Each structure stands twice: as C-alpha cells, then as structure tokens.
Amino acid sequence: MAKHNILGHKGEDLAAEYLERHGYTIHDRDWHCGHKDLDLVVTKDNTIVFVEVKTRTGTEWGYPQDFVDDRKIRRIVNSADAYLRFYQIDMDVRFDIVSIVAEGETYRVEHIEQAFYPPVG
C-alpha cells in the first residue's frame, strides 16, 4: 500500500478514536456508494455528522483542512445526501473536519465542528 494511503488510514483510525472518546457514536467508516464516499458518519445529540478526515505530514504547504475546497465540499454534501436517502434518515445534519498533522511519531488532532455548510444552488 502506498505511503499516503497508510497515512490516510492511520488518520481515519485516530479521528474515529478521538470522536468516540468525545461521545460520538461511529456508524460508518469509509462509506461508498458508487462514486460517492464519506470518511466517517457519526452521531451525537440527535445530530448526524459527516466527518471529512484530512491527514498531512506537516503544515509547510497549509493545514489539512485547507485542502477541503469547494469541489470537495460539493462531493461530500452529495454523498451525505445519498447516505441520508439510502438509510431514510431524518435528523439534524452537520459537516465537520478532523484535521490531523503527523509530527514524527506523534499526531496533532483538531476537530472542527460545523466546518462548512452545504452550498446554495
């Protein structure tokens, strides 16, 4: 497996562990439906949260969350819509980012709640 894939999987593991420690329930990891995909689907306080996990080895080129651009946001929102329809879920929805920076053998985890809203139009 490529080095960046290993780092990505490690990041998703760390994000899931972090969220569970903070009272979230994990429902899906790496959910796929056709070309749609979601990193983590979690719930807390009657809210379903779609979590994009971004992991980088440093911040020289920007913070991990800086790489969630408008195109990526549209893909996440479309995937979340497919997930909600597929499972017939009617709950409040939120979009978060878990940003992870690897610094040698340590990892800095930052949870950004309500990181973005679905675009209008």
PDB file of N, CA and C in Angstrom:
ATOM      1  N   MET A   1       0.847  -1.181   0.000  1.00  0.00           N
ATOM      2  CA  MET A   1       0.000   0.000   0.000  1.00  0.00           C
ATOM      3  C   MET A   1       0.893   1.245   0.000  1.00  0.00           C
ATOM      4  N   ALA A   2       0.491   2.252  -0.744  1.00  0.00           N
ATOM      5  CA  ALA A   2       1.276   3.482  -0.849  1.00  0.00           C
ATOM      6  C   ALA A   2       1.343   4.198   0.495  1.00  0.00           C
ATOM      7  N   LYS A   3       2.443   4.914   0.687  1.00  0.00           N
ATOM      8  CA  LYS A   3       2.683   5.594   1.959  1.00  0.00           C
ATOM      9  C   LYS A   3       1.559   6.571   2.314  1.00  0.00           C
ATOM     10  N   HIS A   4       1.044   7.321   1.308  1.00  0.00           N
ATOM     11  CA  HIS A   4      -0.023   8.280   1.605  1.00  0.00           C
ATOM     12  C   HIS A   4      -1.321   7.566   1.988  1.00  0.00           C
ATOM     13  N   ASN A   5      -1.549   6.359   1.449  1.00  0.00           N
ATOM     14  CA  ASN A   5      -2.735   5.590   1.840  1.00  0.00           C
ATOM     15  C   ASN A   5      -2.621   5.097   3.272  1.00  0.00           C
ATOM     16  N   ILE A   6      -1.429   4.685   3.666  1.00  0.00           N
ATOM     17  CA  ILE A   6      -1.199   4.240   5.046  1.00  0.00           C
ATOM     18  C   ILE A   6      -1.443   5.399   5.995  1.00  0.00           C
ATOM     19  N   LEU A   7      -0.931   6.579   5.644  1.00  0.00           N
ATOM     20  CA  LEU A   7      -1.135   7.764   6.480  1.00  0.00           C
ATOM     21  C   LEU A   7      -2.623   8.110   6.565  1.00  0.00           C
ATOM     22  N   GLY A   8      -3.332   8.011   5.452  1.00  0.00           N
ATOM     23  CA  GLY A   8      -4.767   8.302   5.444  1.00  0.00           C
ATOM     24  C   GLY A   8      -5.547   7.352   6.339  1.00  0.00           C
ATOM     25  N   HIS A   9      -5.233   6.065   6.278  1.00  0.00           N
ATOM     26  CA  HIS A   9      -5.912   5.081   7.134  1.00  0.00           C
ATOM     27  C   HIS A   9      -5.595   5.325   8.604  1.00  0.00           C
ATOM     28  N   LYS A  10      -4.357   5.654   8.900  1.00  0.00           N
ATOM     29  CA  LYS A  10      -3.971   5.968  10.276  1.00  0.00           C
ATOM     30  C   LYS A  10      -4.760   7.184  10.765  1.00  0.00           C
ATOM     31  N   GLY A  11      -4.888   8.195   9.901  1.00  0.00           N
ATOM     32  CA  GLY A  11      -5.654   9.388  10.247  1.00  0.00           C
ATOM     33  C   GLY A  11      -7.108   9.076  10.542  1.00  0.00           C
ATOM     34  N   GLU A  12      -7.720   8.223   9.728  1.00  0.00           N
ATOM     35  CA  GLU A  12      -9.120   7.845   9.971  1.00  0.00           C
ATOM     36  C   GLU A  12      -9.255   7.080  11.276  1.00  0.00           C
ATOM     37  N   ASP A  13      -8.297   6.207  11.582  1.00  0.00           N
ATOM     38  CA  ASP A  13      -8.316   5.490  12.865  1.00  0.00           C
ATOM     39  C   ASP A  13      -8.234   6.473  14.030  1.00  0.00           C
ATOM     40  N   LEU A  14      -7.301   7.420  13.938  1.00  0.00           N
ATOM     41  CA  LEU A  14      -7.137   8.408  15.010  1.00  0.00           C
ATOM     42  C   LEU A  14      -8.380   9.281  15.158  1.00  0.00           C
ATOM     43  N   ALA A  15      -8.969   9.679  14.041  1.00  0.00           N
ATOM     44  CA  ALA A  15     -10.173  10.511  14.081  1.00  0.00           C
ATOM     45  C   ALA A  15     -11.321   9.753  14.742  1.00  0.00           C
ATOM     46  N   ALA A  16     -11.512   8.488  14.368  1.00  0.00           N
ATOM     47  CA  ALA A  16     -12.582   7.679  14.959  1.00  0.00           C
ATOM     48  C   ALA A  16     -12.371   7.519  16.463  1.00  0.00           C
ATOM     49  N   GLU A  17     -11.149   7.237  16.873  1.00  0.00           N
ATOM     50  CA  GLU A  17     -10.846   7.094  18.306  1.00  0.00           C
ATOM     51  C   GLU A  17     -11.121   8.400  19.046  1.00  0.00           C
ATOM     52  N   TYR A  18     -10.688   9.510  18.478  1.00  0.00           N
ATOM     53  CA  TYR A  18     -10.899  10.828  19.082  1.00  0.00           C
ATOM     54  C   TYR A  18     -12.399  11.103  19.255  1.00  0.00           C
ATOM     55  N   LEU A  19     -13.159  10.878  18.198  1.00  0.00           N
ATOM     56  CA  LEU A  19     -14.601  11.161  18.261  1.00  0.00           C
ATOM     57  C   LEU A  19     -15.302  10.262  19.272  1.00  0.00           C
ATOM     58  N   GLU A  20     -14.940   8.995  19.312  1.00  0.00           N
ATOM     59  CA  GLU A  20     -15.542   8.091  20.302  1.00  0.00           C
ATOM     60  C   GLU A  20     -15.235   8.541  21.725  1.00  0.00           C
ATOM     61  N   ARG A  21     -14.012   8.978  21.967  1.00  0.00           N
ATOM     62  CA  ARG A  21     -13.639   9.482  23.307  1.00  0.00           C
ATOM     63  C   ARG A  21     -14.441  10.718  23.689  1.00  0.00           C
ATOM     64  N   HIS A  22     -14.930  11.437  22.676  1.00  0.00           N
ATOM     65  CA  HIS A  22     -15.691  12.659  22.931  1.00  0.00           C
ATOM     66  C   HIS A  22     -17.198  12.455  22.784  1.00  0.00           C
ATOM     67  N   GLY A  23     -17.646  11.212  22.904  1.00  0.00           N
ATOM     68  CA  GLY A  23     -19.069  10.926  22.991  1.00  0.00           C
ATOM     69  C   GLY A  23     -19.811  10.700  21.691  1.00  0.00           C
ATOM     70  N   TYR A  24     -19.106  10.593  20.584  1.00  0.00           N
ATOM     71  CA  TYR A  24     -19.750  10.326  19.301  1.00  0.00           C
ATOM     72  C   TYR A  24     -19.885   8.819  19.098  1.00  0.00           C
ATOM     73  N   THR A  25     -20.920   8.424  18.392  1.00  0.00           N
ATOM     74  CA  THR A  25     -21.114   7.035  18.015  1.00  0.00           C
ATOM     75  C   THR A  25     -20.779   6.900  16.529  1.00  0.00           C
ATOM     76  N   ILE A  26     -19.879   5.988  16.218  1.00  0.00           N
ATOM     77  CA  ILE A  26     -19.472   5.755  14.832  1.00  0.00           C
ATOM     78  C   ILE A  26     -20.491   4.834  14.173  1.00  0.00           C
ATOM     79  N   HIS A  27     -21.026   5.254  13.030  1.00  0.00           N
ATOM     80  CA  HIS A  27     -21.973   4.423  12.292  1.00  0.00           C
ATOM     81  C   HIS A  27     -21.351   3.844  11.033  1.00  0.00           C
ATOM     82  N   ASP A  28     -20.507   4.595  10.386  1.00  0.00           N
ATOM     83  CA  ASP A  28     -19.851   4.107   9.174  1.00  0.00           C
ATOM     84  C   ASP A  28     -18.473   4.722   9.054  1.00  0.00           C
ATOM     85  N   ARG A  29     -17.570   3.918   8.502  1.00  0.00           N
ATOM     86  CA  ARG A  29     -16.227   4.382   8.176  1.00  0.00           C
ATOM     87  C   ARG A  29     -15.980   4.048   6.717  1.00  0.00           C
ATOM     88  N   ASP A  30     -15.465   5.010   5.987  1.00  0.00           N
ATOM     89  CA  ASP A  30     -15.113   4.796   4.583  1.00  0.00           C
ATOM     90  C   ASP A  30     -16.308   4.245   3.799  1.00  0.00           C
ATOM     91  N   TRP A  31     -17.458   4.916   3.932  1.00  0.00           N
ATOM     92  CA  TRP A  31     -18.701   4.510   3.260  1.00  0.00           C
ATOM     93  C   TRP A  31     -18.625   4.856   1.779  1.00  0.00           C
ATOM     94  N   HIS A  32     -19.017   3.893   0.945  1.00  0.00           N
ATOM     95  CA  HIS A  32     -19.023   4.078  -0.510  1.00  0.00           C
ATOM     96  C   HIS A  32     -20.358   3.657  -1.088  1.00  0.00           C
ATOM     97  N   CYS A  33     -20.794   4.390  -2.094  1.00  0.00           N
ATOM     98  CA  CYS A  33     -21.974   4.036  -2.882  1.00  0.00           C
ATOM     99  C   CYS A  33     -21.709   4.569  -4.286  1.00  0.00           C
ATOM    100  N   GLY A  34     -21.289   3.694  -5.174  1.00  0.00           N
ATOM    101  CA  GLY A  34     -20.878   4.147  -6.498  1.00  0.00           C
ATOM    102  C   GLY A  34     -19.644   5.033  -6.361  1.00  0.00           C
ATOM    103  N   HIS A  35     -19.725   6.235  -6.907  1.00  0.00           N
ATOM    104  CA  HIS A  35     -18.601   7.171  -6.820  1.00  0.00           C
ATOM    105  C   HIS A  35     -18.691   8.064  -5.597  1.00  0.00           C
ATOM    106  N   LYS A  36     -19.708   7.876  -4.785  1.00  0.00           N
ATOM    107  CA  LYS A  36     -19.873   8.687  -3.581  1.00  0.00           C
ATOM    108  C   LYS A  36     -19.157   8.016  -2.417  1.00  0.00           C
ATOM    109  N   ASP A  37     -18.504   8.830  -1.587  1.00  0.00           N
ATOM    110  CA  ASP A  37     -17.830   8.253  -0.430  1.00  0.00           C
ATOM    111  C   ASP A  37     -17.782   9.261   0.711  1.00  0.00           C
ATOM    112  N   LEU A  38     -17.767   8.712   1.914  1.00  0.00           N
ATOM    113  CA  LEU A  38     -17.689   9.506   3.142  1.00  0.00           C
ATOM    114  C   LEU A  38     -16.653   8.869   4.053  1.00  0.00           C
ATOM    115  N   ASP A  39     -15.843   9.696   4.708  1.00  0.00           N
ATOM    116  CA  ASP A  39     -14.819   9.157   5.611  1.00  0.00           C
ATOM    117  C   ASP A  39     -15.441   8.554   6.858  1.00  0.00           C
ATOM    118  N   LEU A  40     -16.174   9.388   7.614  1.00  0.00           N
ATOM    119  CA  LEU A  40     -16.814   8.925   8.849  1.00  0.00           C
ATOM    120  C   LEU A  40     -18.229   9.471   8.923  1.00  0.00           C
ATOM    121  N   VAL A  41     -19.143   8.625   9.379  1.00  0.00           N
ATOM    122  CA  VAL A  41     -20.508   9.055   9.672  1.00  0.00           C
ATOM    123  C   VAL A  41     -20.740   8.741  11.141  1.00  0.00           C
ATOM    124  N   VAL A  42     -21.027   9.792  11.912  1.00  0.00           N
ATOM    125  CA  VAL A  42     -21.165   9.646  13.357  1.00  0.00           C
ATOM    126  C   VAL A  42     -22.427  10.363  13.821  1.00  0.00           C
ATOM    127  N   THR A  43     -22.850  10.053  15.046  1.00  0.00           N
ATOM    128  CA  THR A  43     -23.968  10.779  15.641  1.00  0.00           C
ATOM    129  C   THR A  43     -23.619  11.199  17.058  1.00  0.00           C
ATOM    130  N   LYS A  44     -24.272  12.290  17.457  1.00  0.00           N
ATOM    131  CA  LYS A  44     -24.185  12.770  18.834  1.00  0.00           C
ATOM    132  C   LYS A  44     -25.321  13.768  19.027  1.00  0.00           C
ATOM    133  N   ASP A  45     -26.011  13.660  20.130  1.00  0.00           N
ATOM    134  CA  ASP A  45     -27.080  14.599  20.469  1.00  0.00           C
ATOM    135  C   ASP A  45     -28.101  14.749  19.349  1.00  0.00           C
ATOM    136  N   ASN A  46     -28.592  13.637  18.820  1.00  0.00           N
ATOM    137  CA  ASN A  46     -29.618  13.624  17.764  1.00  0.00           C
ATOM    138  C   ASN A  46     -29.198  14.368  16.499  1.00  0.00           C
ATOM    139  N   THR A  47     -27.910  14.425  16.246  1.00  0.00           N
ATOM    140  CA  THR A  47     -27.386  15.036  15.031  1.00  0.00           C
ATOM    141  C   THR A  47     -26.508  14.019  14.326  1.00  0.00           C
ATOM    142  N   ILE A  48     -26.711  13.884  13.016  1.00  0.00           N
ATOM    143  CA  ILE A  48     -25.818  13.048  12.221  1.00  0.00           C
ATOM    144  C   ILE A  48     -24.722  13.954  11.682  1.00  0.00           C
ATOM    145  N   VAL A  49     -23.494  13.507  11.844  1.00  0.00           N
ATOM    146  CA  VAL A  49     -22.342  14.319  11.470  1.00  0.00           C
ATOM    147  C   VAL A  49     -21.530  13.569  10.417  1.00  0.00           C
ATOM    148  N   PHE A  50     -21.317  14.239   9.298  1.00  0.00           N
ATOM    149  CA  PHE A  50     -20.478  13.697   8.236  1.00  0.00           C
ATOM    150  C   PHE A  50     -19.100  14.328   8.415  1.00  0.00           C
ATOM    151  N   VAL A  51     -18.105  13.480   8.637  1.00  0.00           N
ATOM    152  CA  VAL A  51     -16.775  13.950   9.005  1.00  0.00           C
ATOM    153  C   VAL A  51     -15.789  13.663   7.881  1.00  0.00           C
ATOM    154  N   GLU A  52     -15.169  14.716   7.395  1.00  0.00           N
ATOM    155  CA  GLU A  52     -14.076  14.586   6.435  1.00  0.00           C
ATOM    156  C   GLU A  52     -12.777  14.575   7.235  1.00  0.00           C
ATOM    157  N   VAL A  53     -11.951  13.562   7.026  1.00  0.00           N
ATOM    158  CA  VAL A  53     -10.683  13.438   7.742  1.00  0.00           C
ATOM    159  C   VAL A  53      -9.561  13.812   6.776  1.00  0.00           C
ATOM    160  N   LYS A  54      -8.734  14.758   7.189  1.00  0.00           N
ATOM    161  CA  LYS A  54      -7.589  15.176   6.378  1.00  0.00           C
ATOM    162  C   LYS A  54      -6.332  15.005   7.219  1.00  0.00           C
ATOM    163  N   THR A  55      -5.387  14.263   6.675  1.00  0.00           N
ATOM    164  CA  THR A  55      -4.141  13.976   7.387  1.00  0.00           C
ATOM    165  C   THR A  55      -2.962  14.409   6.518  1.00  0.00           C
ATOM    166  N   ARG A  56      -2.030  15.109   7.127  1.00  0.00           N
ATOM    167  CA  ARG A  56      -0.823  15.568   6.426  1.00  0.00           C
ATOM    168  C   ARG A  56       0.392  15.329   7.325  1.00  0.00           C
ATOM    169  N   THR A  57       1.560  15.313   6.711  1.00  0.00           N
ATOM    170  CA  THR A  57       2.795  15.099   7.471  1.00  0.00           C
ATOM    171  C   THR A  57       3.402  16.398   7.967  1.00  0.00           C
ATOM    172  N   GLY A  58       2.824  17.515   7.641  1.00  0.00           N
ATOM    173  CA  GLY A  58       3.322  18.803   8.112  1.00  0.00           C
ATOM    174  C   GLY A  58       2.407  19.906   7.621  1.00  0.00           C
ATOM    175  N   THR A  59       2.763  21.139   7.973  1.00  0.00           N
ATOM    176  CA  THR A  59       1.923  22.275   7.582  1.00  0.00           C
ATOM    177  C   THR A  59       2.658  23.240   6.652  1.00  0.00           C
ATOM    178  N   GLU A  60       3.768  22.804   6.100  1.00  0.00           N
ATOM    179  CA  GLU A  60       4.561  23.663   5.215  1.00  0.00           C
ATOM    180  C   GLU A  60       3.726  24.190   4.042  1.00  0.00           C
ATOM    181  N   TRP A  61       2.830  23.374   3.527  1.00  0.00           N
ATOM    182  CA  TRP A  61       2.011  23.757   2.368  1.00  0.00           C
ATOM    183  C   TRP A  61       0.588  24.119   2.776  1.00  0.00           C
ATOM    184  N   GLY A  62       0.317  24.201   4.070  1.00  0.00           N
ATOM    185  CA  GLY A  62      -1.013  24.548   4.563  1.00  0.00           C
ATOM    186  C   GLY A  62      -1.501  23.505   5.548  1.00  0.00           C
ATOM    187  N   TYR A  63      -2.554  23.849   6.246  1.00  0.00           N
ATOM    188  CA  TYR A  63      -3.148  22.934   7.217  1.00  0.00           C
ATOM    189  C   TYR A  63      -4.044  21.942   6.491  1.00  0.00           C
ATOM    190  N   PRO A  64      -4.217  20.759   7.052  1.00  0.00           N
ATOM    191  CA  PRO A  64      -5.021  19.750   6.363  1.00  0.00           C
ATOM    192  C   PRO A  64      -6.404  20.252   5.927  1.00  0.00           C
ATOM    193  N   GLN A  65      -7.066  21.002   6.781  1.00  0.00           N
ATOM    194  CA  GLN A  65      -8.409  21.484   6.454  1.00  0.00           C
ATOM    195  C   GLN A  65      -8.412  22.450   5.267  1.00  0.00           C
ATOM    196  N   ASP A  66      -7.271  23.051   4.963  1.00  0.00           N
ATOM    197  CA  ASP A  66      -7.175  23.956   3.814  1.00  0.00           C
ATOM    198  C   ASP A  66      -7.381  23.221   2.487  1.00  0.00           C
ATOM    199  N   PHE A  67      -7.271  21.896   2.517  1.00  0.00           N
ATOM    200  CA  PHE A  67      -7.395  21.105   1.300  1.00  0.00           C
ATOM    201  C   PHE A  67      -8.825  20.625   1.051  1.00  0.00           C
ATOM    202  N   VAL A  68      -9.765  21.090   1.868  1.00  0.00           N
ATOM    203  CA  VAL A  68     -11.180  20.816   1.623  1.00  0.00           C
ATOM    204  C   VAL A  68     -11.720  22.037   0.879  1.00  0.00           C
ATOM    205  N   ASP A  69     -11.653  21.952  -0.449  1.00  0.00           N
ATOM    206  CA  ASP A  69     -12.058  23.085  -1.288  1.00  0.00           C
ATOM    207  C   ASP A  69     -13.540  22.972  -1.662  1.00  0.00           C
ATOM    208  N   ASP A  70     -14.023  23.931  -2.450  1.00  0.00           N
ATOM    209  CA  ASP A  70     -15.436  23.957  -2.833  1.00  0.00           C
ATOM    210  C   ASP A  70     -15.854  22.689  -3.571  1.00  0.00           C
ATOM    211  N   ARG A  71     -14.994  22.208  -4.437  1.00  0.00           N
ATOM    212  CA  ARG A  71     -15.302  20.969  -5.182  1.00  0.00           C
ATOM    213  C   ARG A  71     -15.471  19.796  -4.222  1.00  0.00           C
ATOM    214  N   LYS A  72     -14.563  19.671  -3.250  1.00  0.00           N
ATOM    215  CA  LYS A  72     -14.632  18.580  -2.267  1.00  0.00           C
ATOM    216  C   LYS A  72     -15.882  18.731  -1.408  1.00  0.00           C
ATOM    217  N   ILE A  73     -16.219  19.954  -1.021  1.00  0.00           N
ATOM    218  CA  ILE A  73     -17.422  20.190  -0.216  1.00  0.00           C
ATOM    219  C   ILE A  73     -18.658  19.712  -0.977  1.00  0.00           C
ATOM    220  N   ARG A  74     -18.752  20.037  -2.258  1.00  0.00           N
ATOM    221  CA  ARG A  74     -19.907  19.594  -3.054  1.00  0.00           C
ATOM    222  C   ARG A  74     -19.983  18.065  -3.101  1.00  0.00           C
ATOM    223  N   ARG A  75     -18.838  17.413  -3.244  1.00  0.00           N
ATOM    224  CA  ARG A  75     -18.821  15.938  -3.272  1.00  0.00           C
ATOM    225  C   ARG A  75     -19.268  15.354  -1.938  1.00  0.00           C
ATOM    226  N   ILE A  76     -18.810  15.939  -0.844  1.00  0.00           N
ATOM    227  CA  ILE A  76     -19.205  15.448   0.485  1.00  0.00           C
ATOM    228  C   ILE A  76     -20.701  15.638   0.686  1.00  0.00           C
ATOM    229  N   VAL A  77     -21.212  16.812   0.339  1.00  0.00           N
ATOM    230  CA  VAL A  77     -22.644  17.100   0.508  1.00  0.00           C
ATOM    231  C   VAL A  77     -23.482  16.148  -0.346  1.00  0.00           C
ATOM    232  N   ASN A  78     -23.082  15.916  -1.599  1.00  0.00           N
ATOM    233  CA  ASN A  78     -23.812  14.974  -2.456  1.00  0.00           C
ATOM    234  C   ASN A  78     -23.778  13.557  -1.890  1.00  0.00           C
ATOM    235  N   SER A  79     -22.643  13.165  -1.349  1.00  0.00           N
ATOM    236  CA  SER A  79     -22.523  11.837  -0.737  1.00  0.00           C
ATOM    237  C   SER A  79     -23.387  11.741   0.514  1.00  0.00           C
ATOM    238  N   ALA A  80     -23.395  12.800   1.312  1.00  0.00           N
ATOM    239  CA  ALA A  80     -24.225  12.819   2.522  1.00  0.00           C
ATOM    240  C   ALA A  80     -25.704  12.713   2.156  1.00  0.00           C
ATOM    241  N   ASP A  81     -26.111  13.417   1.110  1.00  0.00           N
ATOM    242  CA  ASP A  81     -27.495  13.346   0.658  1.00  0.00           C
ATOM    243  C   ASP A  81     -27.848  11.914   0.247  1.00  0.00           C
ATOM    244  N   ALA A  82     -26.948  11.261  -0.474  1.00  0.00           N
ATOM    245  CA  ALA A  82     -27.178   9.865  -0.879  1.00  0.00           C
ATOM    246  C   ALA A  82     -27.290   8.968   0.351  1.00  0.00           C
ATOM    247  N   TYR A  83     -26.443   9.192   1.337  1.00  0.00           N
ATOM    248  CA  TYR A  83     -26.462   8.393   2.569  1.00  0.00           C
ATOM    249  C   TYR A  83     -27.800   8.562   3.295  1.00  0.00           C
ATOM    250  N   LEU A  84     -28.237   9.811   3.449  1.00  0.00           N
ATOM    251  CA  LEU A  84     -29.489  10.090   4.140  1.00  0.00           C
ATOM    252  C   LEU A  84     -30.673   9.452   3.423  1.00  0.00           C
ATOM    253  N   ARG A  85     -30.678   9.526   2.107  1.00  0.00           N
ATOM    254  CA  ARG A  85     -31.764   8.925   1.321  1.00  0.00           C
ATOM    255  C   ARG A  85     -31.724   7.400   1.397  1.00  0.00           C
ATOM    256  N   PHE A  86     -30.526   6.832   1.270  1.00  0.00           N
ATOM    257  CA  PHE A  86     -30.374   5.376   1.275  1.00  0.00           C
ATOM    258  C   PHE A  86     -30.881   4.774   2.582  1.00  0.00           C
ATOM    259  N   TYR A  87     -30.513   5.405   3.708  1.00  0.00           N
ATOM    260  CA  TYR A  87     -30.908   4.882   5.022  1.00  0.00           C
ATOM    261  C   TYR A  87     -32.183   5.528   5.566  1.00  0.00           C
ATOM    262  N   GLN A  88     -32.795   6.401   4.774  1.00  0.00           N
ATOM    263  CA  GLN A  88     -34.036   7.088   5.155  1.00  0.00           C
ATOM    264  C   GLN A  88     -33.899   7.740   6.537  1.00  0.00           C
ATOM    265  N   ILE A  89     -32.884   8.561   6.668  1.00  0.00           N
ATOM    266  CA  ILE A  89     -32.579   9.232   7.935  1.00  0.00           C
ATOM    267  C   ILE A  89     -33.142  10.646   7.903  1.00  0.00           C
ATOM    268  N   ASP A  90     -33.828  10.998   8.975  1.00  0.00           N
ATOM    269  CA  ASP A  90     -34.364  12.348   9.127  1.00  0.00           C
ATOM    270  C   ASP A  90     -33.856  12.899  10.459  1.00  0.00           C
ATOM    271  N   MET A  91     -32.691  13.504  10.426  1.00  0.00           N
ATOM    272  CA  MET A  91     -32.057  14.067  11.626  1.00  0.00           C
ATOM    273  C   MET A  91     -31.417  15.396  11.244  1.00  0.00           C
ATOM    274  N   ASP A  92     -31.071  16.176  12.255  1.00  0.00           N
ATOM    275  CA  ASP A  92     -30.254  17.355  12.001  1.00  0.00           C
ATOM    276  C   ASP A  92     -28.921  16.875  11.435  1.00  0.00           C
ATOM    277  N   VAL A  93     -28.344  17.669  10.552  1.00  0.00           N
ATOM    278  CA  VAL A  93     -27.110  17.297   9.859  1.00  0.00           C
ATOM    279  C   VAL A  93     -26.042  18.351  10.113  1.00  0.00           C
ATOM    280  N   ARG A  94     -24.810  17.877  10.250  1.00  0.00           N
ATOM    281  CA  ARG A  94     -23.670  18.777  10.406  1.00  0.00           C
ATOM    282  C   ARG A  94     -22.488  18.206   9.629  1.00  0.00           C
ATOM    283  N   PHE A  95     -21.627  19.104   9.168  1.00  0.00           N
ATOM    284  CA  PHE A  95     -20.422  18.703   8.440  1.00  0.00           C
ATOM    285  C   PHE A  95     -19.201  19.181   9.219  1.00  0.00           C
ATOM    286  N   ASP A  96     -18.366  18.241   9.643  1.00  0.00           N
ATOM    287  CA  ASP A  96     -17.160  18.534  10.417  1.00  0.00           C
ATOM    288  C   ASP A  96     -15.927  18.093   9.635  1.00  0.00           C
ATOM    289  N   ILE A  97     -14.797  18.614  10.064  1.00  0.00           N
ATOM    290  CA  ILE A  97     -13.500  18.156   9.567  1.00  0.00           C
ATOM    291  C   ILE A  97     -12.658  17.766  10.771  1.00  0.00           C
ATOM    292  N   VAL A  98     -11.984  16.635  10.669  1.00  0.00           N
ATOM    293  CA  VAL A  98     -10.949  16.294  11.648  1.00  0.00           C
ATOM    294  C   VAL A  98      -9.628  16.416  10.910  1.00  0.00           C
ATOM    295  N   SER A  99      -8.817  17.361  11.386  1.00  0.00           N
ATOM    296  CA  SER A  99      -7.525  17.684  10.806  1.00  0.00           C
ATOM    297  C   SER A  99      -6.438  17.009  11.643  1.00  0.00           C
ATOM    298  N   ILE A 100      -5.565  16.261  10.980  1.00  0.00           N
ATOM    299  CA  ILE A 100      -4.511  15.553  11.695  1.00  0.00           C
ATOM    300  C   ILE A 100      -3.174  15.876  11.040  1.00  0.00           C
ATOM    301  N   VAL A 101      -2.241  16.304  11.883  1.00  0.00           N
ATOM    302  CA  VAL A 101      -0.892  16.588  11.409  1.00  0.00           C
ATOM    303  C   VAL A 101       0.060  15.609  12.093  1.00  0.00           C
ATOM    304  N   ALA A 102       0.753  14.823  11.273  1.00  0.00           N
ATOM    305  CA  ALA A 102       1.741  13.882  11.783  1.00  0.00           C
ATOM    306  C   ALA A 102       3.052  14.629  11.994  1.00  0.00           C
ATOM    307  N   GLU A 103       3.570  14.513  13.190  1.00  0.00           N
ATOM    308  CA  GLU A 103       4.850  15.137  13.533  1.00  0.00           C
ATOM    309  C   GLU A 103       5.743  14.043  14.082  1.00  0.00           C
ATOM    310  N   GLY A 104       6.451  13.379  13.184  1.00  0.00           N
ATOM    311  CA  GLY A 104       7.249  12.221  13.595  1.00  0.00           C
ATOM    312  C   GLY A 104       6.312  11.094  13.991  1.00  0.00           C
ATOM    313  N   GLU A 105       6.447  10.616  15.205  1.00  0.00           N
ATOM    314  CA  GLU A 105       5.592   9.538  15.702  1.00  0.00           C
ATOM    315  C   GLU A 105       4.387  10.058  16.484  1.00  0.00           C
ATOM    316  N   THR A 106       4.236  11.367  16.571  1.00  0.00           N
ATOM    317  CA  THR A 106       3.082  11.940  17.264  1.00  0.00           C
ATOM    318  C   THR A 106       2.129  12.571  16.252  1.00  0.00           C
ATOM    319  N   TYR A 107       0.890  12.688  16.662  1.00  0.00           N
ATOM    320  CA  TYR A 107      -0.148  13.224  15.785  1.00  0.00           C
ATOM    321  C   TYR A 107      -0.929  14.299  16.532  1.00  0.00           C
ATOM    322  N   ARG A 108      -1.139  15.417  15.874  1.00  0.00           N
ATOM    323  CA  ARG A 108      -1.934  16.508  16.438  1.00  0.00           C
ATOM    324  C   ARG A 108      -3.309  16.450  15.782  1.00  0.00           C
ATOM    325  N   VAL A 109      -4.353  16.270  16.615  1.00  0.00           N
ATOM    326  CA  VAL A 109      -5.715  16.118  16.117  1.00  0.00           C
ATOM    327  C   VAL A 109      -6.508  17.368  16.451  1.00  0.00           C
ATOM    328  N   GLU A 110      -7.185  17.922  15.448  1.00  0.00           N
ATOM    329  CA  GLU A 110      -8.054  19.083  15.651  1.00  0.00           C
ATOM    330  C   GLU A 110      -9.421  18.764  15.052  1.00  0.00           C
ATOM    331  N   HIS A 111     -10.460  18.910  15.880  1.00  0.00           N
ATOM    332  CA  HIS A 111     -11.830  18.658  15.426  1.00  0.00           C
ATOM    333  C   HIS A 111     -12.495  20.009  15.156  1.00  0.00           C
ATOM    334  N   ILE A 112     -12.883  20.229  13.920  1.00  0.00           N
ATOM    335  CA  ILE A 112     -13.521  21.488  13.523  1.00  0.00           C
ATOM    336  C   ILE A 112     -15.000  21.200  13.294  1.00  0.00           C
ATOM    337  N   GLU A 113     -15.810  21.600  14.266  1.00  0.00           N
ATOM    338  CA  GLU A 113     -17.258  21.390  14.160  1.00  0.00           C
ATOM    339  C   GLU A 113     -17.847  22.440  13.224  1.00  0.00           C
ATOM    340  N   GLN A 114     -18.888  22.057  12.511  1.00  0.00           N
ATOM    341  CA  GLN A 114     -19.544  22.928  11.541  1.00  0.00           C
ATOM    342  C   GLN A 114     -18.511  23.594  10.638  1.00  0.00           C
ATOM    343  N   ALA A 115     -17.648  22.782  10.075  1.00  0.00           N
ATOM    344  CA  ALA A 115     -16.551  23.284   9.245  1.00  0.00           C
ATOM    345  C   ALA A 115     -17.054  23.967   7.973  1.00  0.00           C
ATOM    346  N   PHE A 116     -18.201  23.521   7.494  1.00  0.00           N
ATOM    347  CA  PHE A 116     -18.788  24.137   6.304  1.00  0.00           C
ATOM    348  C   PHE A 116     -20.273  23.823   6.274  1.00  0.00           C
ATOM    349  N   TYR A 117     -20.971  24.573   5.453  1.00  0.00           N
ATOM    350  CA  TYR A 117     -22.399  24.373   5.223  1.00  0.00           C
ATOM    351  C   TYR A 117     -22.597  23.982   3.770  1.00  0.00           C
ATOM    352  N   PRO A 118     -23.670  23.253   3.470  1.00  0.00           N
ATOM    353  CA  PRO A 118     -23.922  22.909   2.063  1.00  0.00           C
ATOM    354  C   PRO A 118     -24.062  24.165   1.228  1.00  0.00           C
ATOM    355  N   PRO A 119     -23.475  24.170   0.051  1.00  0.00           N
ATOM    356  CA  PRO A 119     -23.600  25.354  -0.822  1.00  0.00           C
ATOM    357  C   PRO A 119     -25.031  25.508  -1.305  1.00  0.00           C
ATOM    358  N   VAL A 120     -25.433  26.730  -1.524  1.00  0.00           N
ATOM    359  CA  VAL A 120     -26.774  27.020  -2.015  1.00  0.00           C
ATOM    360  C   VAL A 120     -26.717  27.070  -3.543  1.00  0.00           C
ATOM    361  N   GLY A 121     -27.651  26.353  -4.162  1.00  0.00           N
ATOM    362  CA  GLY A 121     -27.752  26.415  -5.623  1.00  0.00           C
ATOM    363  C   GLY A 121     -27.006  25.431  -6.357  1.00  0.00           C
TER     364      GLY A 121
END
